[in-house]
Amino acid sequence: MYILSIILVALCLVASCSAVDESGAVITNYRSEANPDGSYSYEYGTSNNIQAQETGVGGAYAAGSVQYTAPDGQPIQLAYTADENGYQPSGAHLPTPPPIPDYILRALAYIEAHPFARIQLKK
């Protein structure tokens, strides 16, 4: 048990040493604009290479992007919109759903081609 504890502590130390300390990051550029009609825009950048920007109309629409480097070194580029259709992100790092199986697509096509008569329940 003692050896297991030592191994666990050693692994934690290695993990913490490999993490980059970004607490000293500073904002290198910043712009923000808010208009009387509710539209706005902003952008910022930091010394640790985080870049973000967004434009929109308060409560109705927003579109923007964020770029940064993930802790594993992978560059992340996320673009998004938010409107009456909800939040819609896009980026190569986001998981994608598996394709819809052919038998499901055929079943949906059949249902669409053969609509079900509406049933009226007795009261």
Protein backbone atom coordinates (compact mmCIF):
# COMPACT_ATOMS: atom_id res chain seq x y z
CA MET A 1 0.00 0.00 0.00
CA TYR A 2 2.88 2.32 0.85
CA ILE A 3 4.50 1.78 -2.57
CA LEU A 4 1.20 2.48 -4.30
CA SER A 5 0.94 5.80 -2.42
CA ILE A 6 4.47 6.76 -3.48
CA ILE A 7 3.71 5.92 -7.11
CA LEU A 8 0.49 7.96 -6.99
CA VAL A 9 2.29 10.99 -5.50
CA ALA A 10 5.04 10.68 -8.13
CA LEU A 11 2.50 10.58 -10.95
CA CYS A 12 0.77 13.67 -9.59
CA LEU A 13 4.09 15.52 -9.41
CA VAL A 14 4.94 14.59 -13.00
CA ALA A 15 1.50 15.70 -14.19
CA SER A 16 1.75 19.02 -12.37
CA CYS A 17 5.26 19.68 -13.70
CA SER A 18 4.16 19.06 -17.29
CA ALA A 19 1.25 21.50 -16.98
CA VAL A 20 2.07 24.98 -18.25
CA ASP A 21 1.57 27.81 -15.77
CA GLU A 22 -0.49 30.40 -17.59
CA SER A 23 -1.35 32.48 -14.53
CA GLY A 24 0.92 35.26 -15.80
CA ALA A 25 -0.92 35.64 -19.11
CA VAL A 26 -1.98 39.19 -19.93
CA ILE A 27 -4.44 40.73 -22.38
CA THR A 28 -2.55 41.94 -25.45
CA ASN A 29 -5.46 43.44 -27.36
CA TYR A 30 -9.04 44.29 -26.48
CA ARG A 31 -11.87 46.01 -28.30
CA SER A 32 -15.50 46.26 -27.24
CA GLU A 33 -18.39 48.14 -28.80
CA ALA A 34 -22.00 48.35 -27.63
CA ASN A 35 -24.52 50.27 -29.74
CA PRO A 36 -27.86 51.86 -28.76
CA ASP A 37 -29.74 49.47 -31.10
CA GLY A 38 -28.56 46.47 -29.03
CA SER A 39 -25.86 45.34 -31.44
CA TYR A 40 -22.40 44.72 -30.07
CA SER A 41 -19.00 43.36 -30.93
CA TYR A 42 -15.86 42.51 -29.04
CA GLU A 43 -12.52 40.86 -29.56
CA TYR A 44 -9.53 40.10 -27.39
CA GLY A 45 -6.21 38.35 -27.44
CA THR A 46 -3.88 37.19 -24.69
CA SER A 47 -0.15 36.61 -24.36
CA ASN A 48 -0.74 32.84 -24.22
CA ASN A 49 -2.30 32.89 -27.72
CA ILE A 50 -5.98 32.87 -26.89
CA GLN A 51 -7.95 34.83 -29.48
CA ALA A 52 -11.71 35.44 -29.38
CA GLN A 53 -14.24 37.63 -31.15
CA GLU A 54 -18.02 37.94 -31.24
CA THR A 55 -20.67 40.11 -32.87
CA GLY A 56 -24.37 40.07 -32.32
CA VAL A 57 -27.60 41.69 -31.29
CA GLY A 58 -28.39 41.31 -27.60
CA GLY A 59 -30.85 38.50 -26.90
CA ALA A 60 -31.41 37.70 -30.59
CA TYR A 61 -28.23 36.64 -32.37
CA ALA A 62 -24.52 36.07 -31.81
CA ALA A 63 -21.69 34.75 -33.95
CA GLY A 64 -18.08 34.38 -33.01
CA SER A 65 -14.96 32.31 -32.77
CA VAL A 66 -12.30 31.26 -30.27
CA GLN A 67 -8.80 29.96 -30.93
CA TYR A 68 -6.39 28.52 -28.37
CA THR A 69 -4.03 25.62 -27.79
CA ALA A 70 -5.37 22.75 -25.68
CA PRO A 71 -3.24 21.38 -22.82
CA ASP A 72 -2.32 18.39 -25.02
CA GLY A 73 -0.91 20.77 -27.67
CA GLN A 74 -3.84 20.46 -30.10
CA PRO A 75 -4.81 23.77 -31.74
CA ILE A 76 -8.49 24.45 -31.12
CA GLN A 77 -10.54 26.60 -33.49
CA LEU A 78 -14.19 26.93 -32.53
CA ALA A 79 -16.73 28.96 -34.50
CA TYR A 80 -20.32 29.36 -33.35
CA THR A 81 -23.64 31.02 -33.91
CA ALA A 82 -26.52 31.40 -31.50
CA ASP A 83 -29.96 32.40 -32.73
CA GLU A 84 -33.57 31.17 -32.84
CA ASN A 85 -32.17 27.73 -33.79
CA GLY A 86 -30.04 27.51 -30.63
CA TYR A 87 -26.29 27.35 -30.10
CA GLN A 88 -24.48 25.84 -33.09
CA PRO A 89 -20.75 25.26 -32.62
CA SER A 90 -18.39 23.96 -35.27
CA GLY A 91 -14.78 22.85 -35.07
CA ALA A 92 -12.60 19.95 -36.12
CA HIS A 93 -12.09 18.95 -32.46
CA LEU A 94 -15.81 18.45 -31.77
CA PRO A 95 -17.17 14.91 -31.83
CA THR A 96 -19.47 14.03 -34.70
CA PRO A 97 -22.45 11.71 -34.45
CA PRO A 98 -22.29 8.38 -36.26
CA PRO A 99 -24.15 8.18 -39.58
CA ILE A 100 -27.83 7.24 -39.43
CA PRO A 101 -28.18 3.54 -40.31
CA ASP A 102 -29.71 2.75 -43.68
CA TYR A 103 -32.62 0.80 -42.18
CA ILE A 104 -33.62 3.87 -40.13
CA LEU A 105 -33.47 6.10 -43.21
CA ARG A 106 -35.66 3.61 -45.14
CA ALA A 107 -38.15 3.45 -42.24
CA LEU A 108 -38.38 7.24 -42.10
CA ALA A 109 -38.91 7.41 -45.88
CA TYR A 110 -41.68 4.80 -45.60
CA ILE A 111 -43.40 6.67 -42.77
CA GLU A 112 -43.23 9.90 -44.76
CA ALA A 113 -44.66 8.20 -47.88
CA HIS A 114 -47.46 6.46 -45.91
CA PRO A 115 -48.88 8.97 -43.43
CA PHE A 116 -50.90 7.50 -40.58
CA ALA A 117 -54.59 8.46 -40.44
CA ARG A 118 -55.27 10.56 -37.41
CA ILE A 119 -57.10 8.70 -34.66
CA GLN A 120 -59.83 10.50 -32.76
CA LEU A 121 -60.26 9.24 -29.21
CA LYS A 122 -63.77 9.12 -27.77
CA LYS A 123 -64.42 11.35 -24.79
